[in-house]
C-alpha atoms as a PDB file:
ATOM      1  CA  MET A   1     -80.939 -21.827  22.839  1.00  0.00           C
ATOM      2  CA  PHE A   2     -82.163 -24.798  21.102  1.00  0.00           C
ATOM      3  CA  LYS A   3     -84.115 -22.626  18.705  1.00  0.00           C
ATOM      4  CA  VAL A   4     -80.914 -20.667  18.028  1.00  0.00           C
ATOM      5  CA  LYS A   5     -78.864 -23.809  17.197  1.00  0.00           C
ATOM      6  CA  ILE A   6     -81.748 -25.015  14.867  1.00  0.00           C
ATOM      7  CA  ALA A   7     -81.951 -21.584  13.220  1.00  0.00           C
ATOM      8  CA  SER A   8     -78.146 -21.407  12.878  1.00  0.00           C
ATOM      9  CA  ALA A   9     -78.082 -24.963  11.364  1.00  0.00           C
ATOM     10  CA  LEU A  10     -80.779 -24.064   8.943  1.00  0.00           C
ATOM     11  CA  ALA A  11     -79.152 -20.929   8.006  1.00  0.00           C
ATOM     12  CA  PHE A  12     -75.851 -22.766   7.455  1.00  0.00           C
ATOM     13  CA  LEU A  13     -77.594 -25.506   5.456  1.00  0.00           C
ATOM     14  CA  PHE A  14     -79.431 -22.841   3.399  1.00  0.00           C
ATOM     15  CA  ALA A  15     -76.219 -20.964   2.696  1.00  0.00           C
ATOM     16  CA  ALA A  16     -74.500 -24.151   1.666  1.00  0.00           C
ATOM     17  CA  VAL A  17     -77.192 -25.091  -0.757  1.00  0.00           C
ATOM     18  CA  ILE A  18     -77.395 -21.599  -2.265  1.00  0.00           C
ATOM     19  CA  SER A  19     -73.648 -21.191  -2.577  1.00  0.00           C
ATOM     20  CA  SER A  20     -73.403 -24.642  -4.174  1.00  0.00           C
ATOM     21  CA  LEU A  21     -76.073 -23.589  -6.730  1.00  0.00           C
ATOM     22  CA  VAL A  22     -74.378 -20.359  -7.416  1.00  0.00           C
ATOM     23  CA  ALA A  23     -71.027 -21.978  -7.819  1.00  0.00           C
ATOM     24  CA  TRP A  24     -72.542 -24.571 -10.162  1.00  0.00           C
ATOM     25  CA  GLY A  25     -74.314 -21.838 -12.190  1.00  0.00           C
ATOM     26  CA  ALA A  26     -71.133 -19.625 -12.387  1.00  0.00           C
ATOM     27  CA  GLY A  27     -68.803 -22.388 -13.807  1.00  0.00           C
ATOM     28  CA  SER A  28     -67.531 -22.292 -17.394  1.00  0.00           C
ATOM     29  CA  VAL A  29     -65.970 -24.656 -19.809  1.00  0.00           C
ATOM     30  CA  ALA A  30     -64.094 -23.969 -23.104  1.00  0.00           C
ATOM     31  CA  THR A  31     -63.226 -25.819 -26.303  1.00  0.00           C
ATOM     32  CA  VAL A  32     -60.661 -24.961 -28.878  1.00  0.00           C
ATOM     33  CA  ILE A  33     -61.739 -25.384 -32.418  1.00  0.00           C
ATOM     34  CA  THR A  34     -59.181 -25.877 -35.099  1.00  0.00           C
ATOM     35  CA  LEU A  35     -59.991 -24.842 -38.620  1.00  0.00           C
ATOM     36  CA  THR A  36     -58.310 -26.164 -41.801  1.00  0.00           C
ATOM     37  CA  GLY A  37     -58.773 -24.649 -45.196  1.00  0.00           C
ATOM     38  CA  THR A  38     -56.878 -25.746 -48.331  1.00  0.00           C
ATOM     39  CA  VAL A  39     -55.381 -23.824 -51.181  1.00  0.00           C
ATOM     40  CA  ASP A  40     -54.411 -25.956 -54.082  1.00  0.00           C
ATOM     41  CA  SER A  41     -51.424 -25.165 -56.338  1.00  0.00           C
ATOM     42  CA  PHE A  42     -52.712 -23.040 -59.264  1.00  0.00           C
ATOM     43  CA  ALA A  43     -51.684 -20.498 -61.860  1.00  0.00           C
ATOM     44  CA  GLU A  44     -53.941 -18.215 -63.785  1.00  0.00           C
ATOM     45  CA  TRP A  45     -53.358 -15.142 -66.089  1.00  0.00           C
ATOM     46  CA  ASP A  46     -54.988 -11.778 -65.202  1.00  0.00           C
ATOM     47  CA  SER A  47     -57.179 -12.305 -68.271  1.00  0.00           C
ATOM     48  CA  ALA A  48     -57.837 -15.401 -70.405  1.00  0.00           C
ATOM     49  CA  THR A  49     -57.724 -13.197 -73.533  1.00  0.00           C
ATOM     50  CA  GLN A  50     -55.309 -10.357 -74.050  1.00  0.00           C
ATOM     51  CA  THR A  51     -54.982  -7.907 -77.060  1.00  0.00           C
ATOM     52  CA  ILE A  52     -52.353  -5.893 -78.527  1.00  0.00           C
ATOM     53  CA  THR A  53     -53.873  -3.321 -80.968  1.00  0.00           C
ATOM     54  CA  ALA A  54     -52.228  -1.420 -83.886  1.00  0.00           C
ATOM     55  CA  ALA A  55     -52.200   1.714 -81.541  1.00  0.00           C
ATOM     56  CA  ASN A  56     -49.980  -0.151 -79.071  1.00  0.00           C
ATOM     57  CA  TRP A  57     -46.978  -0.542 -81.398  1.00  0.00           C
ATOM     58  CA  THR A  58     -44.268   2.143 -81.629  1.00  0.00           C
ATOM     59  CA  GLY A  59     -45.723   3.232 -84.902  1.00  0.00           C
ATOM     60  CA  HIS A  60     -47.025   1.905 -88.185  1.00  0.00           C
ATOM     61  CA  ILE A  61     -44.700   0.588 -90.865  1.00  0.00           C
ATOM     62  CA  THR A  62     -44.254   3.288 -93.388  1.00  0.00           C
ATOM     63  CA  ALA A  63     -41.263   2.156 -95.529  1.00  0.00           C
ATOM     64  CA  VAL A  64     -39.306  -0.935 -96.534  1.00  0.00           C
ATOM     65  CA  ASN A  65     -36.715  -2.469 -94.136  1.00  0.00           C
ATOM     66  CA  GLN A  66     -38.460  -0.840 -91.220  1.00  0.00           C
ATOM     67  CA  SER A  67     -39.227  -2.348 -87.667  1.00  0.00           C
ATOM     68  CA  ARG A  68     -41.739  -1.477 -85.043  1.00  0.00           C
ATOM     69  CA  THR A  69     -41.975  -2.991 -81.480  1.00  0.00           C
ATOM     70  CA  VAL A  70     -44.591  -3.517 -78.811  1.00  0.00           C
ATOM     71  CA  THR A  71     -44.613  -4.767 -75.244  1.00  0.00           C
ATOM     72  CA  GLY A  72     -47.564  -6.621 -73.724  1.00  0.00           C
ATOM     73  CA  ALA A  73     -47.252  -6.677 -69.911  1.00  0.00           C
ATOM     74  CA  TYR A  74     -49.324  -9.482 -68.338  1.00  0.00           C
ATOM     75  CA  HIS A  75     -49.759 -10.658 -64.720  1.00  0.00           C
ATOM     76  CA  LEU A  76     -49.548 -14.345 -63.816  1.00  0.00           C
ATOM     77  CA  TYR A  77     -51.078 -15.165 -60.440  1.00  0.00           C
ATOM     78  CA  THR A  78     -49.347 -18.411 -59.157  1.00  0.00           C
ATOM     79  CA  ASN A  79     -48.573 -20.143 -55.901  1.00  0.00           C
ATOM     80  CA  VAL A  80     -46.452 -22.747 -57.629  1.00  0.00           C
ATOM     81  CA  THR A  81     -43.296 -22.927 -59.847  1.00  0.00           C
ATOM     82  CA  VAL A  82     -44.347 -22.991 -63.439  1.00  0.00           C
ATOM     83  CA  THR A  83     -43.001 -23.547 -66.949  1.00  0.00           C
ATOM     84  CA  ILE A  84     -44.344 -21.123 -69.520  1.00  0.00           C
ATOM     85  CA  THR A  85     -44.498 -22.332 -73.074  1.00  0.00           C
ATOM     86  CA  PRO A  86     -45.232 -20.077 -76.064  1.00  0.00           C
ATOM     87  CA  THR A  87     -47.076 -21.341 -79.070  1.00  0.00           C
ATOM     88  CA  GLY A  88     -48.192 -19.800 -82.195  1.00  0.00           C
ATOM     89  CA  SER A  89     -51.982 -19.763 -82.578  1.00  0.00           C
ATOM     90  CA  THR A  90     -53.702 -17.522 -85.236  1.00  0.00           C
ATOM     91  CA  ASN A  91     -51.391 -17.447 -88.387  1.00  0.00           C
ATOM     92  CA  SER A  92     -48.839 -19.585 -86.473  1.00  0.00           C
ATOM     93  CA  GLY A  93     -47.856 -16.494 -84.551  1.00  0.00           C
ATOM     94  CA  ILE A  94     -46.671 -14.732 -87.824  1.00  0.00           C
ATOM     95  CA  LEU A  95     -48.201 -11.272 -88.564  1.00  0.00           C
ATOM     96  CA  THR A  96     -50.260 -11.890 -91.728  1.00  0.00           C
ATOM     97  CA  ASN A  97     -52.521  -9.997 -94.112  1.00  0.00           C
ATOM     98  CA  GLY A  98     -53.951 -12.311 -96.715  1.00  0.00           C
ATOM     99  CA  THR A  99     -50.907 -13.910 -98.303  1.00  0.00           C
ATOM    100  CA  GLN A 100     -48.470 -11.218 -97.077  1.00  0.00           C
ATOM    101  CA  THR A 101     -46.483 -11.628 -94.015  1.00  0.00           C
ATOM    102  CA  LEU A 102     -44.169  -9.398 -91.934  1.00  0.00           C
ATOM    103  CA  ALA A 103     -41.052 -10.748 -90.296  1.00  0.00           C
ATOM    104  CA  THR A 104     -42.247 -11.356 -86.703  1.00  0.00           C
ATOM    105  CA  GLU A 105     -40.055 -11.954 -83.603  1.00  0.00           C
ATOM    106  CA  TYR A 106     -40.766 -12.285 -79.947  1.00  0.00           C
ATOM    107  CA  MET A 107     -39.005 -12.343 -76.587  1.00  0.00           C
ATOM    108  CA  ILE A 108     -40.172 -12.925 -72.991  1.00  0.00           C
ATOM    109  CA  THR A 109     -38.980 -10.789 -70.065  1.00  0.00           C
ATOM    110  CA  GLY A 110     -40.252  -9.977 -66.631  1.00  0.00           C
ATOM    111  CA  GLY A 111     -40.501 -12.480 -63.737  1.00  0.00           C
ATOM    112  CA  VAL A 112     -39.184 -15.446 -65.578  1.00  0.00           C
ATOM    113  CA  ASP A 113     -36.015 -17.069 -64.237  1.00  0.00           C
ATOM    114  CA  THR A 114     -34.087 -16.577 -67.513  1.00  0.00           C
ATOM    115  CA  PRO A 115     -35.562 -13.697 -69.675  1.00  0.00           C
ATOM    116  CA  ASP A 116     -34.643 -13.516 -73.326  1.00  0.00           C
ATOM    117  CA  GLY A 117     -31.824 -11.123 -74.137  1.00  0.00           C
ATOM    118  CA  ALA A 118     -32.761 -10.808 -77.808  1.00  0.00           C
ATOM    119  CA  TYR A 119     -35.669 -11.349 -80.098  1.00  0.00           C
ATOM    120  CA  LYS A 120     -36.352 -14.917 -81.562  1.00  0.00           C
ATOM    121  CA  VAL A 121     -37.890 -15.392 -84.957  1.00  0.00           C
ATOM    122  CA  ALA A 122     -41.451 -16.627 -84.915  1.00  0.00           C
ATOM    123  CA  GLY A 123     -41.152 -20.310 -85.871  1.00  0.00           C
ATOM    124  CA  THR A 124     -40.790 -23.787 -84.567  1.00  0.00           C
ATOM    125  CA  GLY A 125     -37.233 -24.417 -85.678  1.00  0.00           C
ATOM    126  CA  LEU A 126     -34.363 -24.941 -83.210  1.00  0.00           C
ATOM    127  CA  GLY A 127     -33.725 -21.556 -81.535  1.00  0.00           C
ATOM    128  CA  GLU A 128     -36.970 -20.061 -82.623  1.00  0.00           C
ATOM    129  CA  PHE A 129     -39.557 -18.677 -80.396  1.00  0.00           C
ATOM    130  CA  PHE A 130     -42.156 -21.451 -80.777  1.00  0.00           C
ATOM    131  CA  ALA A 131     -39.583 -24.314 -80.701  1.00  0.00           C
ATOM    132  CA  VAL A 132     -40.579 -27.141 -78.403  1.00  0.00           C
ATOM    133  CA  LEU A 133     -37.463 -26.544 -76.287  1.00  0.00           C
ATOM    134  CA  ASN A 134     -38.162 -22.760 -75.882  1.00  0.00           C
ATOM    135  CA  THR A 135     -39.779 -22.604 -72.446  1.00  0.00           C
ATOM    136  CA  TYR A 136     -39.474 -20.215 -69.531  1.00  0.00           C
ATOM    137  CA  ALA A 137     -39.256 -21.330 -65.869  1.00  0.00           C
ATOM    138  CA  LEU A 138     -40.861 -19.073 -63.341  1.00  0.00           C
ATOM    139  CA  THR A 139     -39.938 -19.995 -59.757  1.00  0.00           C
ATOM    140  CA  HIS A 140     -42.503 -19.231 -57.120  1.00  0.00           C
ATOM    141  CA  VAL A 141     -41.295 -17.410 -54.045  1.00  0.00           C
ATOM    142  CA  SER A 142     -43.514 -17.915 -51.000  1.00  0.00           C
ATOM    143  CA  GLY A 143     -45.398 -14.882 -50.238  1.00  0.00           C
ATOM    144  CA  THR A 144     -45.329 -13.593 -53.842  1.00  0.00           C
ATOM    145  CA  GLY A 145     -48.472 -14.312 -55.626  1.00  0.00           C
ATOM    146  CA  VAL A 146     -48.260 -12.219 -58.832  1.00  0.00           C
ATOM    147  CA  TYR A 147     -45.496 -12.083 -61.400  1.00  0.00           C
ATOM    148  CA  ASP A 148     -45.102  -9.777 -64.313  1.00  0.00           C
ATOM    149  CA  VAL A 149     -44.493 -11.549 -67.621  1.00  0.00           C
ATOM    150  CA  ASN A 150     -43.770  -9.393 -70.699  1.00  0.00           C
ATOM    151  CA  LEU A 151     -44.247 -10.535 -74.291  1.00  0.00           C
ATOM    152  CA  LEU A 152     -42.232  -8.164 -76.621  1.00  0.00           C
ATOM    153  CA  ALA A 153     -42.884  -8.436 -80.190  1.00  0.00           C
ATOM    154  CA  ARG A 154     -41.108  -6.852 -83.255  1.00  0.00           C
ATOM    155  CA  MET A 155     -42.558  -6.565 -86.828  1.00  0.00           C
ATOM    156  CA  SER A 156     -40.389  -5.809 -89.784  1.00  0.00           C
ATOM    157  CA  SER A 157     -41.131  -5.009 -93.430  1.00  0.00           C
ATOM    158  CA  PRO A 158     -39.059  -6.657 -96.196  1.00  0.00           C
ATOM    159  CA  ALA A 159     -35.714  -4.973 -97.143  1.00  0.00           C
ATOM    160  CA  ALA A 160     -36.524  -4.778-100.858  1.00  0.00           C
ATOM    161  CA  SER A 161     -40.323  -4.595-101.328  1.00  0.00           C
ATOM    162  CA  ALA A 162     -43.303  -2.856 -99.856  1.00  0.00           C
ATOM    163  CA  PRO A 163     -45.816  -5.056 -98.028  1.00  0.00           C
ATOM    164  CA  ASP A 164     -49.428  -4.554 -98.803  1.00  0.00           C
ATOM    165  CA  SER A 165     -51.193  -1.860 -96.671  1.00  0.00           C
ATOM    166  CA  GLY A 166     -53.673  -3.002 -94.034  1.00  0.00           C
ATOM    167  CA  ASP A 167     -53.847  -4.805 -90.646  1.00  0.00           C
ATOM    168  CA  TYR A 168     -51.499  -7.686 -90.146  1.00  0.00           C
ATOM    169  CA  THR A 169     -52.690 -10.185 -87.404  1.00  0.00           C
ATOM    170  CA  CYS A 170     -51.539 -13.243 -85.578  1.00  0.00           C
ATOM    171  CA  GLY A 171     -51.951 -14.889 -82.179  1.00  0.00           C
ATOM    172  CA  VAL A 172     -49.689 -16.272 -79.528  1.00  0.00           C
ATOM    173  CA  THR A 173     -50.607 -18.544 -76.616  1.00  0.00           C
ATOM    174  CA  LEU A 174     -48.604 -18.494 -73.425  1.00  0.00           C
ATOM    175  CA  THR A 175     -49.257 -21.680 -71.297  1.00  0.00           C
ATOM    176  CA  ALA A 176     -48.248 -21.831 -67.701  1.00  0.00           C
ATOM    177  CA  ALA A 177     -47.922 -25.531 -66.539  1.00  0.00           C
ATOM    178  CA  TRP A 178     -46.871 -27.154 -63.306  1.00  0.00           C
END
C-alpha cells in the first residue's frame, strides 16, 4: 500500500510538472502595431508639358475675318484646394509667325469653381486672360483626386487683311498653387 501511495504521488507530481510545462508552452501573447504614413498636400498636372498641334484645331484659317477654336483637356491631380493662374510664355501667349500675329483668346472651363463664360483676349490688361487678377479657384473635395481643367483657345484672322501663311505658335503656362 505504501508503494501504491508513493506511485500515486509520483504520478501526480509527474502529471503536475508535465501539465505546467504544456500550459507554459501553449500560451500566447499579442501586440498591436499602429502604422502611420503621411501624404502631404500636393497638386500636379498629368504631364509637365502639353501640346496643341495644328491638327487639333477645328480647321486652318483660310480667309480674312475667320476664327478657329481648340480645346485642350488636362487633368490636375490634387488633394488640396488650389488657385490656377494662367501666364503667357512663348510669344506672350499670342499666336505669332515672325512679325505677324493672330487675335488670340482663351477661356478656362472644367473643374474650376467659376469657369469662364466667354473668351478673354490674350493680354495682361484688366479683364484680359493673363491679367494678374485673372485666377481660377479649384476647391478640393475629399475623395476626389483628379480634376479636369480645359483650356479653350480661339484664333482669328484680321478683318481686312490676309495673314501670312505658315504656323503660328505661342505658349501658355497654367500654374496651380496652394
